[in-house]
N, C-alpha and C. Protein backbone atom coordinates (compact mmCIF):
# COMPACT_ATOMS: atom_id res chain seq x y z
N TYR A 1 0.91 -1.53 0.13
CA TYR A 1 0.22 -0.18 -0.11
C TYR A 1 0.61 1.15 0.09
N ILE A 2 0.36 2.31 -0.72
CA ILE A 2 0.82 3.80 -0.22
C ILE A 2 0.63 4.07 0.81
N ASP A 3 1.53 4.79 1.50
CA ASP A 3 1.72 5.55 2.86
C ASP A 3 1.72 6.89 2.75
N THR A 4 0.04 7.19 2.77
CA THR A 4 0.04 8.97 2.52
C THR A 4 -0.12 9.38 3.56
N SER A 5 0.10 8.93 5.09
CA SER A 5 0.26 9.82 6.57
C SER A 5 0.94 10.93 6.45
N ASN A 6 2.28 10.49 5.65
CA ASN A 6 3.39 11.98 5.65
C ASN A 6 3.21 12.72 3.86
N THR A 7 2.95 11.87 3.42
CA THR A 7 2.60 12.29 1.74
C THR A 7 1.48 12.18 1.23
N PRO A 8 0.47 12.93 0.93
CA PRO A 8 -0.92 12.79 0.61
C PRO A 8 -0.39 13.20 -1.15
N TYR A 9 -1.54 12.57 -1.70
CA TYR A 9 -1.36 12.23 -3.26
C TYR A 9 -1.32 14.14 -3.49
N PRO A 10 -0.69 14.17 -4.51
CA PRO A 10 -0.41 15.28 -5.31
C PRO A 10 -1.76 16.05 -5.62
N SER A 11 -2.26 17.13 -5.35
CA SER A 11 -3.57 17.89 -5.79
C SER A 11 -4.05 18.68 -6.65
N SER A 12 -2.29 18.97 -7.34
CA SER A 12 -2.44 20.25 -8.03
C SER A 12 -2.18 19.54 -9.89
N VAL A 13 -2.71 19.23 -11.17
CA VAL A 13 -2.36 18.96 -12.09
C VAL A 13 -0.78 18.90 -13.00
N GLY A 14 -0.67 18.02 -12.72
CA GLY A 14 0.81 17.98 -13.04
C GLY A 14 2.13 17.94 -11.84
N GLU A 15 1.89 17.98 -10.76
CA GLU A 15 2.09 18.15 -9.70
C GLU A 15 2.61 16.41 -9.27
N THR A 16 4.24 16.70 -9.06
CA THR A 16 4.83 14.95 -8.67
C THR A 16 5.17 15.16 -7.42
N VAL A 17 5.00 14.12 -6.80
CA VAL A 17 5.39 14.09 -5.21
C VAL A 17 6.29 12.23 -5.01
N ASN A 18 6.85 12.56 -4.15
CA ASN A 18 7.64 11.13 -3.57
C ASN A 18 7.14 10.57 -2.56
N ALA A 19 6.47 9.18 -2.51
CA ALA A 19 5.67 8.48 -1.37
C ALA A 19 6.38 7.07 -1.03
N THR A 20 6.12 6.86 -0.08
CA THR A 20 6.26 5.56 0.48
C THR A 20 5.72 4.35 -0.03
N ALA A 21 5.69 3.51 -0.77
CA ALA A 21 5.01 2.23 -0.61
C ALA A 21 5.48 0.83 0.10
N CYS A 22 4.33 1.02 0.88
CA CYS A 22 4.87 -0.46 1.90
C CYS A 22 4.14 -1.60 1.52
N GLY A 23 5.32 -3.04 1.97
CA GLY A 23 4.64 -4.15 1.74
C GLY A 23 4.36 -4.70 3.19
N TYR A 24 2.68 -5.19 3.24
CA TYR A 24 2.50 -5.73 4.09
C TYR A 24 3.09 -7.45 4.61
N TYR A 25 3.58 -7.87 5.40
CA TYR A 25 4.07 -9.27 5.92
C TYR A 25 3.70 -10.07 7.38
N GLY A 26 3.20 -10.51 7.56
CA GLY A 26 3.22 -10.87 9.30
C GLY A 26 2.62 -10.35 9.84
N GLY A 27 1.96 -9.47 9.32
CA GLY A 27 1.00 -8.65 10.26
C GLY A 27 1.17 -7.34 10.51
N ASN A 28 2.74 -6.72 9.64
CA ASN A 28 3.20 -5.96 9.70
C ASN A 28 2.88 -4.61 8.43
N LEU A 29 2.34 -3.96 8.47
CA LEU A 29 1.76 -2.85 7.37
C LEU A 29 2.86 -2.75 6.48
N CYS A 30 3.88 -2.06 7.12
CA CYS A 30 5.14 -1.76 6.67
C CYS A 30 6.44 -2.82 6.59
N TYR A 31 6.54 -3.97 6.64
CA TYR A 31 7.53 -4.48 6.69
C TYR A 31 8.83 -4.51 5.66
N ALA A 32 8.42 -3.72 4.66
CA ALA A 32 9.38 -3.45 3.93
C ALA A 32 8.80 -2.43 3.20
N SER A 33 9.93 -1.68 2.66
CA SER A 33 9.28 -0.59 1.92
C SER A 33 10.24 0.09 1.08
N ASN A 34 10.23 0.55 -0.16
CA ASN A 34 10.35 1.70 -1.07
C ASN A 34 10.26 3.23 -1.56
N MET A 35 10.51 3.91 -2.07
CA MET A 35 10.01 5.13 -2.56
C MET A 35 9.66 4.58 -4.44
N ILE A 36 8.35 5.71 -4.31
CA ILE A 36 7.98 5.54 -5.49
C ILE A 36 7.50 7.20 -5.78
N THR A 37 7.01 7.46 -7.04
CA THR A 37 6.79 9.12 -7.12
C THR A 37 5.03 8.67 -7.73
N ILE A 38 4.66 9.82 -7.49
CA ILE A 38 3.01 9.67 -8.08
C ILE A 38 2.81 11.28 -8.49
N THR A 39 2.66 11.08 -9.94
CA THR A 39 2.08 12.43 -10.28
C THR A 39 0.71 12.67 -10.45
N ASN A 40 -0.20 13.45 -10.51
CA ASN A 40 -1.36 13.95 -11.13
C ASN A 40 -1.68 14.25 -12.25
N CYS A 41 -2.66 13.88 -12.93
CA CYS A 41 -2.92 14.21 -14.16
C CYS A 41 -3.85 14.65 -14.72
N SER A 42 -4.70 14.74 -13.39
CA SER A 42 -6.20 15.55 -13.82
C SER A 42 -6.89 14.42 -13.55
N THR A 43 -7.25 13.72 -14.34
CA THR A 43 -8.61 12.49 -13.96
C THR A 43 -7.96 11.18 -13.69
N TYR A 44 -6.41 11.14 -13.45
CA TYR A 44 -5.57 9.83 -13.11
C TYR A 44 -4.37 10.07 -12.38
N TYR A 45 -3.86 9.15 -11.82
CA TYR A 45 -2.79 9.26 -10.98
C TYR A 45 -1.35 8.28 -12.27
N ILE A 46 -0.22 8.52 -12.01
CA ILE A 46 1.08 7.80 -12.74
C ILE A 46 1.82 7.59 -11.36
N PHE A 47 1.80 6.18 -11.30
CA PHE A 47 2.91 5.78 -10.32
C PHE A 47 4.16 5.70 -11.14
N GLY A 48 5.40 6.11 -10.77
CA GLY A 48 6.35 5.70 -10.77
C GLY A 48 6.85 4.56 -9.74
N LEU A 49 7.04 3.46 -10.57
CA LEU A 49 7.33 1.73 -9.70
C LEU A 49 8.94 1.64 -9.71
N THR A 50 9.10 0.90 -8.59
CA THR A 50 10.71 0.12 -9.09
C THR A 50 10.31 -1.09 -8.12
N ALA A 51 11.00 -2.07 -8.35
CA ALA A 51 10.68 -3.36 -7.83
C ALA A 51 10.23 -3.77 -6.78
N PRO A 52 9.33 -4.15 -6.38
CA PRO A 52 8.84 -4.61 -4.79
C PRO A 52 10.60 -5.15 -3.97
N PRO A 53 10.06 -4.40 -2.65
CA PRO A 53 10.91 -4.74 -1.87
C PRO A 53 11.31 -5.94 -1.04
N PHE A 54 10.34 -6.92 -1.82
CA PHE A 54 10.81 -8.42 -0.94
C PHE A 54 11.54 -9.58 -1.78
N SER A 55 12.29 -10.46 -1.35
CA SER A 55 12.88 -11.08 -2.31
C SER A 55 11.80 -12.50 -2.87
N SER A 56 10.46 -12.38 -1.95
CA SER A 56 9.73 -13.60 -2.36
C SER A 56 8.94 -13.09 -3.07
N PRO A 57 7.98 -13.80 -4.10
CA PRO A 57 7.08 -13.19 -4.84
C PRO A 57 5.93 -12.06 -4.50
N SER A 58 6.01 -10.79 -5.03
CA SER A 58 5.38 -9.99 -4.61
C SER A 58 5.02 -9.36 -5.33
N ARG A 59 3.98 -8.20 -5.29
CA ARG A 59 3.51 -7.47 -6.65
C ARG A 59 2.55 -5.56 -5.95
N TYR A 60 2.82 -4.77 -6.87
CA TYR A 60 2.11 -4.03 -6.09
C TYR A 60 0.29 -4.25 -6.39
N CYS A 61 -0.28 -4.04 -5.53
CA CYS A 61 -1.73 -3.93 -5.32
C CYS A 61 -2.89 -2.75 -5.48
N THR A 62 -3.80 -2.67 -6.12
CA THR A 62 -4.73 -1.32 -6.16
C THR A 62 -5.67 -1.63 -5.73
N VAL A 63 -6.58 -0.56 -5.44
CA VAL A 63 -8.10 -0.62 -5.01
C VAL A 63 -8.42 0.31 -6.15
N ASP A 64 -9.99 -0.45 -6.91
CA ASP A 64 -10.60 0.49 -7.48
C ASP A 64 -11.64 1.18 -6.98
N LEU A 65 -11.54 2.78 -7.15
CA LEU A 65 -12.02 3.32 -6.54
C LEU A 65 -13.01 4.34 -7.46
N PRO A 66 -14.06 4.55 -6.94
CA PRO A 66 -15.17 5.34 -7.62
C PRO A 66 -14.89 6.09 -8.37
N SER A 67 -15.86 6.58 -9.47
CA SER A 67 -15.81 7.78 -10.20
C SER A 67 -15.36 9.03 -9.66
N GLN A 68 -16.14 9.36 -8.52
CA GLN A 68 -16.01 10.47 -7.93
C GLN A 68 -14.19 10.88 -7.55
N CYS A 69 -13.71 9.85 -6.95
CA CYS A 69 -12.63 9.96 -6.68
C CYS A 69 -11.63 10.62 -8.15
N TYR A 70 -12.07 10.49 -9.24
CA TYR A 70 -11.09 11.45 -10.15
C TYR A 70 -11.54 12.13 -10.69
N SER A 71 -13.11 12.63 -10.89
CA SER A 71 -13.66 13.74 -11.57
C SER A 71 -14.62 14.24 -10.36
N TYR A 72 -13.91 15.53 -10.12
CA TYR A 72 -14.71 16.21 -8.79
C TYR A 72 -13.85 17.54 -8.55
N ARG A 73 -14.57 18.63 -7.89
CA ARG A 73 -14.62 19.75 -8.22
C ARG A 73 -13.86 20.25 -6.92
N SER A 74 -12.69 21.08 -7.03
CA SER A 74 -12.02 21.25 -5.97
C SER A 74 -12.01 22.62 -5.43
N ILE A 75 -12.47 22.50 -3.82
CA ILE A 75 -12.60 24.17 -2.98
C ILE A 75 -11.42 24.63 -2.46
N ASN A 76 -10.87 25.34 -2.60
CA ASN A 76 -10.01 25.87 -1.56
C ASN A 76 -10.51 26.87 -1.20
N ASP A 77 -10.93 27.19 0.31
CA ASP A 77 -11.43 28.41 0.66
C ASP A 77 -11.24 28.27 2.09
N SER A 78 -10.72 29.00 2.47
CA SER A 78 -10.04 29.14 4.13
C SER A 78 -11.09 30.15 4.79
N THR A 79 -12.24 30.49 4.21
CA THR A 79 -13.53 31.48 4.88
C THR A 79 -14.70 30.15 5.28
N ARG A 80 -14.63 29.01 4.67
CA ARG A 80 -15.26 28.16 5.49
C ARG A 80 -14.75 27.26 6.30
N SER A 81 -13.88 27.49 7.07
CA SER A 81 -12.95 26.96 8.21
C SER A 81 -14.01 26.88 9.62
N ILE A 82 -14.29 26.11 10.35
CA ILE A 82 -14.82 26.50 11.38
C ILE A 82 -14.41 27.76 12.22
N SER A 83 -12.98 27.91 12.25
CA SER A 83 -12.34 28.73 12.92
C SER A 83 -12.45 30.03 12.47
N ASN A 84 -13.35 30.24 11.04
CA ASN A 84 -13.46 31.71 10.94
C ASN A 84 -14.81 32.18 11.82
N LEU A 85 -14.68 33.01 12.53
CA LEU A 85 -15.83 33.62 13.33
C LEU A 85 -16.22 34.94 12.81
N VAL A 86 -16.16 35.05 11.87
CA VAL A 86 -16.72 36.41 10.80
C VAL A 86 -18.17 35.83 10.19
N ASN A 87 -18.89 36.97 11.06
CA ASN A 87 -20.45 36.63 10.91
C ASN A 87 -20.82 37.11 9.24
N GLY A 88 -21.50 35.87 9.05
CA GLY A 88 -21.62 36.75 7.58
C GLY A 88 -23.02 36.02 6.89
N THR A 89 -23.53 36.34 5.60
CA THR A 89 -24.51 35.41 4.72
C THR A 89 -24.20 34.55 3.77
N ALA A 90 -22.90 33.97 3.60
CA ALA A 90 -22.51 33.11 2.75
C ALA A 90 -23.04 31.94 2.36
N CYS A 91 -23.79 31.74 1.48
CA CYS A 91 -24.59 30.56 1.23
C CYS A 91 -24.11 29.52 0.10
N ASP A 92 -24.89 28.33 0.53
CA ASP A 92 -24.21 27.31 -1.13
C ASP A 92 -25.45 27.24 -1.64
N GLN A 93 -26.47 27.40 -1.61
CA GLN A 93 -27.84 27.19 -2.76
C GLN A 93 -27.11 27.32 -3.85
N SER A 94 -26.03 28.75 -4.41
CA SER A 94 -26.49 28.86 -5.65
C SER A 94 -24.65 27.86 -6.33
N LEU A 95 -24.15 27.36 -5.21
CA LEU A 95 -23.09 26.83 -5.77
C LEU A 95 -23.01 25.35 -5.68
N PHE A 96 -24.57 24.72 -5.24
CA PHE A 96 -24.40 23.45 -5.49
C PHE A 96 -25.92 23.38 -5.81
N THR A 97 -26.60 23.37 -7.28
CA THR A 97 -27.71 23.61 -7.41
C THR A 97 -28.45 22.41 -7.53
N SER A 98 -27.77 21.37 -7.64
CA SER A 98 -28.86 20.12 -7.16
C SER A 98 -29.35 19.53 -6.10
N SER A 99 -31.04 19.66 -6.13
CA SER A 99 -31.69 19.46 -4.82
C SER A 99 -31.86 17.89 -5.01
N ASN A 100 -31.24 17.08 -6.32
CA ASN A 100 -31.77 15.62 -6.22
C ASN A 100 -30.30 14.62 -5.51
N ILE A 101 -30.62 13.95 -4.64
CA ILE A 101 -29.40 13.16 -4.19
C ILE A 101 -28.50 12.53 -5.38
N SER A 102 -29.35 12.07 -6.32
CA SER A 102 -28.89 11.10 -7.10
C SER A 102 -28.14 11.79 -7.75
N ALA A 103 -27.84 13.20 -8.19
CA ALA A 103 -27.22 13.71 -8.98
C ALA A 103 -26.52 15.02 -8.03
N PRO A 104 -24.98 14.36 -7.63
CA PRO A 104 -24.96 15.16 -6.21
C PRO A 104 -23.78 16.17 -7.08
N THR A 105 -23.28 17.08 -6.63
CA THR A 105 -21.87 17.82 -7.03
C THR A 105 -20.70 17.31 -6.08
N TYR A 106 -20.04 16.67 -6.47
CA TYR A 106 -18.90 15.96 -5.88
C TYR A 106 -17.46 16.85 -5.51
N VAL A 107 -17.51 17.28 -4.66
CA VAL A 107 -16.27 18.40 -4.05
C VAL A 107 -15.35 17.36 -3.02
N ARG A 108 -13.83 18.38 -3.59
CA ARG A 108 -12.73 17.89 -2.68
C ARG A 108 -12.56 18.94 -1.80
N PHE A 109 -12.76 19.18 -0.53
CA PHE A 109 -12.19 20.13 0.28
C PHE A 109 -11.01 20.29 0.59
N ILE A 110 -9.90 21.74 0.14
CA ILE A 110 -8.78 21.56 -0.29
C ILE A 110 -8.07 22.04 0.93
N SER A 111 -9.01 23.11 1.36
CA SER A 111 -8.40 24.01 2.82
C SER A 111 -8.47 23.46 4.49
N SER A 112 -8.44 23.79 5.35
CA SER A 112 -8.52 23.22 6.54
C SER A 112 -7.88 21.50 6.78
N ASN A 113 -8.45 20.67 7.28
CA ASN A 113 -8.51 19.48 7.09
C ASN A 113 -9.14 18.50 5.84
N GLY A 114 -9.61 19.29 5.16
CA GLY A 114 -10.31 18.28 3.72
C GLY A 114 -11.26 17.98 4.23
N ALA A 115 -12.43 18.39 5.17
CA ALA A 115 -13.27 17.30 5.63
C ALA A 115 -14.56 18.51 6.12
N ILE A 116 -15.78 17.96 5.82
CA ILE A 116 -16.79 19.01 6.22
C ILE A 116 -16.47 18.76 7.96
N TYR A 117 -17.08 19.68 8.58
CA TYR A 117 -16.63 19.72 9.83
C TYR A 117 -17.36 18.87 10.86
N ASN A 118 -16.59 18.05 11.67
CA ASN A 118 -17.58 16.71 12.03
C ASN A 118 -18.03 16.76 13.50
N TYR A 119 -18.61 18.05 13.96
CA TYR A 119 -18.66 18.21 15.46
C TYR A 119 -19.83 19.49 15.41
N ALA A 120 -20.59 19.20 16.40
CA ALA A 120 -21.39 20.70 16.58
C ALA A 120 -20.74 21.82 16.41
N PRO A 121 -21.26 22.78 15.71
CA PRO A 121 -20.05 24.38 16.15
C PRO A 121 -20.27 24.53 17.20
N GLY A 122 -21.09 24.96 17.72
CA GLY A 122 -21.23 25.52 19.24
C GLY A 122 -21.48 26.95 19.19
N GLY A 123 -22.08 27.15 17.44
CA GLY A 123 -22.70 28.48 17.47
C GLY A 123 -23.14 28.88 16.49
N SER A 124 -23.69 29.84 16.09
CA SER A 124 -24.15 30.06 14.45
C SER A 124 -23.66 30.54 13.96
N ASN A 125 -22.67 31.52 14.32
CA ASN A 125 -22.03 32.63 13.57
C ASN A 125 -20.34 31.99 13.29
N MET A 126 -19.94 31.08 12.24
CA MET A 126 -18.77 30.77 12.00
C MET A 126 -19.14 30.37 10.47
N CYS A 127 -17.30 30.31 10.01
CA CYS A 127 -17.52 30.16 8.70
C CYS A 127 -17.98 31.06 7.44
N GLY A 128 -18.21 32.04 8.00
CA GLY A 128 -18.72 33.07 7.17
C GLY A 128 -20.59 33.01 7.20
N THR A 129 -21.04 32.60 7.77
CA THR A 129 -22.56 32.33 7.72
C THR A 129 -23.10 32.27 9.22
N SER A 130 -24.50 32.47 9.48
CA SER A 130 -25.24 32.11 10.66
C SER A 130 -26.06 30.83 10.50
N LEU A 131 -25.44 30.06 9.04
CA LEU A 131 -25.98 28.61 9.51
C LEU A 131 -25.13 27.64 9.09
N PRO A 132 -24.06 27.34 9.85
CA PRO A 132 -22.99 26.45 10.07
C PRO A 132 -23.19 24.99 9.30
N GLY A 133 -22.59 24.25 8.50
CA GLY A 133 -23.25 23.07 8.26
C GLY A 133 -21.99 22.25 8.57
N TRP A 134 -22.85 21.14 9.85
CA TRP A 134 -21.42 20.13 9.94
C TRP A 134 -22.12 18.64 9.76
N THR A 135 -21.33 17.66 10.53
CA THR A 135 -21.94 16.44 10.22
C THR A 135 -21.39 16.28 11.52
N ASN A 136 -22.12 14.32 11.88
CA ASN A 136 -21.24 14.05 12.95
C ASN A 136 -21.79 12.42 12.66
N SER A 137 -21.55 12.31 11.19
CA SER A 137 -21.48 11.22 10.66
C SER A 137 -20.55 10.14 11.10
N THR A 138 -20.26 9.06 10.77
CA THR A 138 -18.88 8.31 10.17
C THR A 138 -18.49 8.05 9.12
N PHE A 139 -16.90 8.80 9.40
CA PHE A 139 -16.52 8.53 7.93
C PHE A 139 -15.78 7.41 7.47
N PRO A 140 -16.11 6.94 6.06
CA PRO A 140 -15.77 5.83 5.97
C PRO A 140 -14.47 5.47 5.95
N THR A 141 -13.89 4.28 6.30
CA THR A 141 -12.47 4.19 6.93
C THR A 141 -11.95 3.08 5.96
N ASN A 142 -12.28 2.94 4.80
CA ASN A 142 -11.87 1.62 3.58
C ASN A 142 -11.72 2.53 2.26
N PRO A 143 -10.77 2.67 2.12
CA PRO A 143 -10.58 3.17 0.59
C PRO A 143 -11.48 2.85 -0.46
N GLY A 144 -12.28 3.63 -0.90
CA GLY A 144 -13.28 3.39 -1.93
C GLY A 144 -14.63 3.31 -1.44
N ASP A 145 -14.92 3.51 -0.15
CA ASP A 145 -16.18 2.79 0.62
C ASP A 145 -17.05 4.52 0.75
N THR A 146 -18.22 4.49 0.32
CA THR A 146 -18.89 5.54 0.26
C THR A 146 -20.01 5.04 1.41
N VAL A 147 -20.48 6.53 1.57
CA VAL A 147 -21.41 6.32 3.41
C VAL A 147 -22.52 7.84 2.92
N ASN A 148 -23.83 6.99 3.32
CA ASN A 148 -24.87 8.88 3.56
C ASN A 148 -24.62 9.20 4.90
N ALA A 149 -24.54 10.78 4.78
CA ALA A 149 -24.59 11.49 5.97
C ALA A 149 -25.61 12.46 5.82
N ILE A 150 -25.66 12.70 6.80
CA ILE A 150 -27.03 13.67 7.24
C ILE A 150 -25.54 15.05 7.54
N VAL A 151 -26.00 16.20 7.01
CA VAL A 151 -25.15 17.79 7.36
C VAL A 151 -26.31 18.33 8.06
N CYS A 152 -26.11 18.87 9.35
CA CYS A 152 -27.27 19.44 10.09
C CYS A 152 -26.66 21.09 9.95
N TYR A 153 -27.53 22.01 9.72
CA TYR A 153 -26.80 23.18 9.98
C TYR A 153 -27.50 24.06 11.18
N GLN A 154 -26.93 24.66 12.02
CA GLN A 154 -26.87 25.01 13.35
C GLN A 154 -27.43 26.76 13.51
N TYR A 155 -28.24 26.43 14.37
CA TYR A 155 -29.02 28.28 13.86
C TYR A 155 -29.08 28.62 16.04
N LEU A 156 -28.31 29.35 16.17
CA LEU A 156 -28.21 29.79 17.52
C LEU A 156 -27.88 28.52 18.53
N THR A 157 -28.90 28.04 19.20
CA THR A 157 -28.69 26.69 20.41
C THR A 157 -29.02 25.48 19.55
N ARG A 158 -29.79 25.54 17.88
CA ARG A 158 -30.43 24.61 17.80
C ARG A 158 -29.39 24.08 16.89
N SER A 159 -28.75 22.82 17.51
CA SER A 159 -27.56 22.32 16.45
C SER A 159 -28.24 21.71 14.97
N CYS A 160 -29.65 21.17 14.77
CA CYS A 160 -29.87 20.88 13.64
C CYS A 160 -30.54 21.56 13.27
N TYR A 161 -30.98 23.08 13.18
CA TYR A 161 -32.05 23.17 12.54
C TYR A 161 -32.56 23.47 11.67
N VAL A 162 -31.96 22.92 10.17
CA VAL A 162 -32.16 21.91 9.24
C VAL A 162 -31.33 21.19 9.12
N SER A 163 -31.82 20.37 7.84
CA SER A 163 -30.56 19.71 7.44
C SER A 163 -30.96 18.79 6.06
N ASN A 164 -29.76 18.11 5.38
CA ASN A 164 -29.82 17.48 3.99
C ASN A 164 -28.48 16.28 4.34
N THR A 165 -29.08 15.49 3.47
CA THR A 165 -28.53 14.52 2.97
C THR A 165 -27.17 14.29 2.32
N ILE A 166 -26.03 13.75 2.88
CA ILE A 166 -25.11 13.97 1.59
C ILE A 166 -24.12 12.77 1.47
N THR A 167 -23.13 12.47 0.54
CA THR A 167 -22.63 10.80 0.39
C THR A 167 -20.62 11.52 0.66
N ILE A 168 -20.00 10.76 1.86
CA ILE A 168 -18.91 10.64 1.66
C ILE A 168 -18.42 9.31 1.01
N THR A 169 -17.00 9.86 0.55
CA THR A 169 -16.22 9.13 -0.22
C THR A 169 -14.79 9.01 0.34
N ASN A 170 -14.46 7.69 0.51
CA ASN A 170 -12.82 7.46 0.63
C ASN A 170 -12.43 7.66 0.14
N CYS A 171 -11.38 8.43 -0.45
CA CYS A 171 -10.47 8.16 -2.15
C CYS A 171 -9.10 7.81 -1.77
N ASP A 172 -8.67 7.11 -0.51
CA ASP A 172 -7.49 6.48 0.03
C ASP A 172 -7.13 7.69 0.84
N SER A 173 -6.46 9.24 -0.02
CA SER A 173 -5.84 9.55 0.86
C SER A 173 -6.62 11.26 1.30
N PHE A 174 -7.94 11.27 0.89
CA PHE A 174 -8.33 11.99 0.72
C PHE A 174 -10.40 11.71 0.43
N TYR A 175 -10.81 12.60 0.89
CA TYR A 175 -12.62 12.67 1.05
C TYR A 175 -13.00 13.24 0.16
N VAL A 176 -14.06 12.61 -0.68
CA VAL A 176 -14.80 13.44 -1.72
C VAL A 176 -16.47 13.35 -1.02
N PHE A 177 -16.73 14.59 -1.24
CA PHE A 177 -17.98 14.80 -0.49
C PHE A 177 -19.43 14.98 -1.88
N GLY A 178 -20.30 13.86 -1.75
CA GLY A 178 -21.61 14.29 -3.10
C GLY A 178 -22.36 15.15 -2.13
N LEU A 179 -22.53 16.72 -2.67
CA LEU A 179 -22.95 17.66 -1.99
C LEU A 179 -24.32 18.12 -3.14
N THR A 180 -25.24 18.38 -2.11
CA THR A 180 -26.57 18.74 -2.71
C THR A 180 -27.04 20.63 -2.13
N LYS A 181 -28.10 21.02 -2.74
CA LYS A 181 -28.37 22.37 -2.32
C LYS A 181 -28.43 22.15 -1.09
N PRO A 182 -27.86 22.84 -0.38
CA PRO A 182 -28.79 23.04 1.13
C PRO A 182 -30.07 23.49 1.61
N PRO A 183 -31.11 23.33 2.08
CA PRO A 183 -32.20 23.49 2.32
C PRO A 183 -32.87 24.91 2.29
N ARG A 184 -32.21 25.87 2.81
CA ARG A 184 -32.12 27.05 2.97
C ARG A 184 -30.88 28.18 2.83
N CYS A 185 -30.98 28.86 3.03
CA CYS A 185 -30.14 30.32 2.61
C CYS A 185 -30.10 30.91 4.42
N PRO A 186 -29.37 30.92 4.73
CA PRO A 186 -27.72 31.15 4.24
C PRO A 186 -26.90 29.83 4.54
N ALA A 187 -27.44 28.90 4.81
CA ALA A 187 -27.25 27.45 4.71
C ALA A 187 -25.75 27.28 4.47
N ARG A 188 -24.48 26.61 4.84
CA ARG A 188 -23.37 26.53 4.02
C ARG A 188 -22.23 25.29 4.31
N TYR A 189 -21.95 24.76 3.94
CA TYR A 189 -21.10 23.53 4.35
C TYR A 189 -19.79 23.91 4.94
N CYS A 190 -19.14 23.80 6.17
CA CYS A 190 -18.05 24.32 7.05
C CYS A 190 -16.95 22.93 7.10
N THR A 191 -16.02 23.45 6.57
CA THR A 191 -14.96 22.46 7.05
C THR A 191 -13.79 22.67 8.32
N GLY A 192 -13.42 21.73 9.07
CA GLY A 192 -12.65 21.83 10.35
C GLY A 192 -11.25 21.35 10.00
């Protein structure tokens, strides 16, 4: 497997990173390892591989990831951070126009931790809006897995004033969110 704990997949088209490829053996996740390169080619990655580090028969294995892991919209917006305490009226209704869960907009958040905030925010004036969106759903742990999740929008002391359903996909080194239009303005997906 590719150890992405210290080196995530490259996020910019044309970017190449060095990464560690680990060989699993006898319960040890990284029994032997070697350096490889990963290049972002927009809708796919190219891996520069060397011979596996084992002397016994071994090979590189891949996980089939769903299409949204390769075709998504990147959002790099620090104002979505839950630590942005600026009161505002930012709203995602025009950004995510689909109200049909079968046709979401797939999004990868680049800023903050790359994920929708995973706890009740504790207030309503955060991430540039008075209706900050968050989830307490469990994120998928296995690459390629997708889960349905509820996003709640907090207003004053009501932690789930309004809500909508999204999907969360584990794309190995990042998450992609299947987002639909929030139920009202100024609801906004917040990152943490």
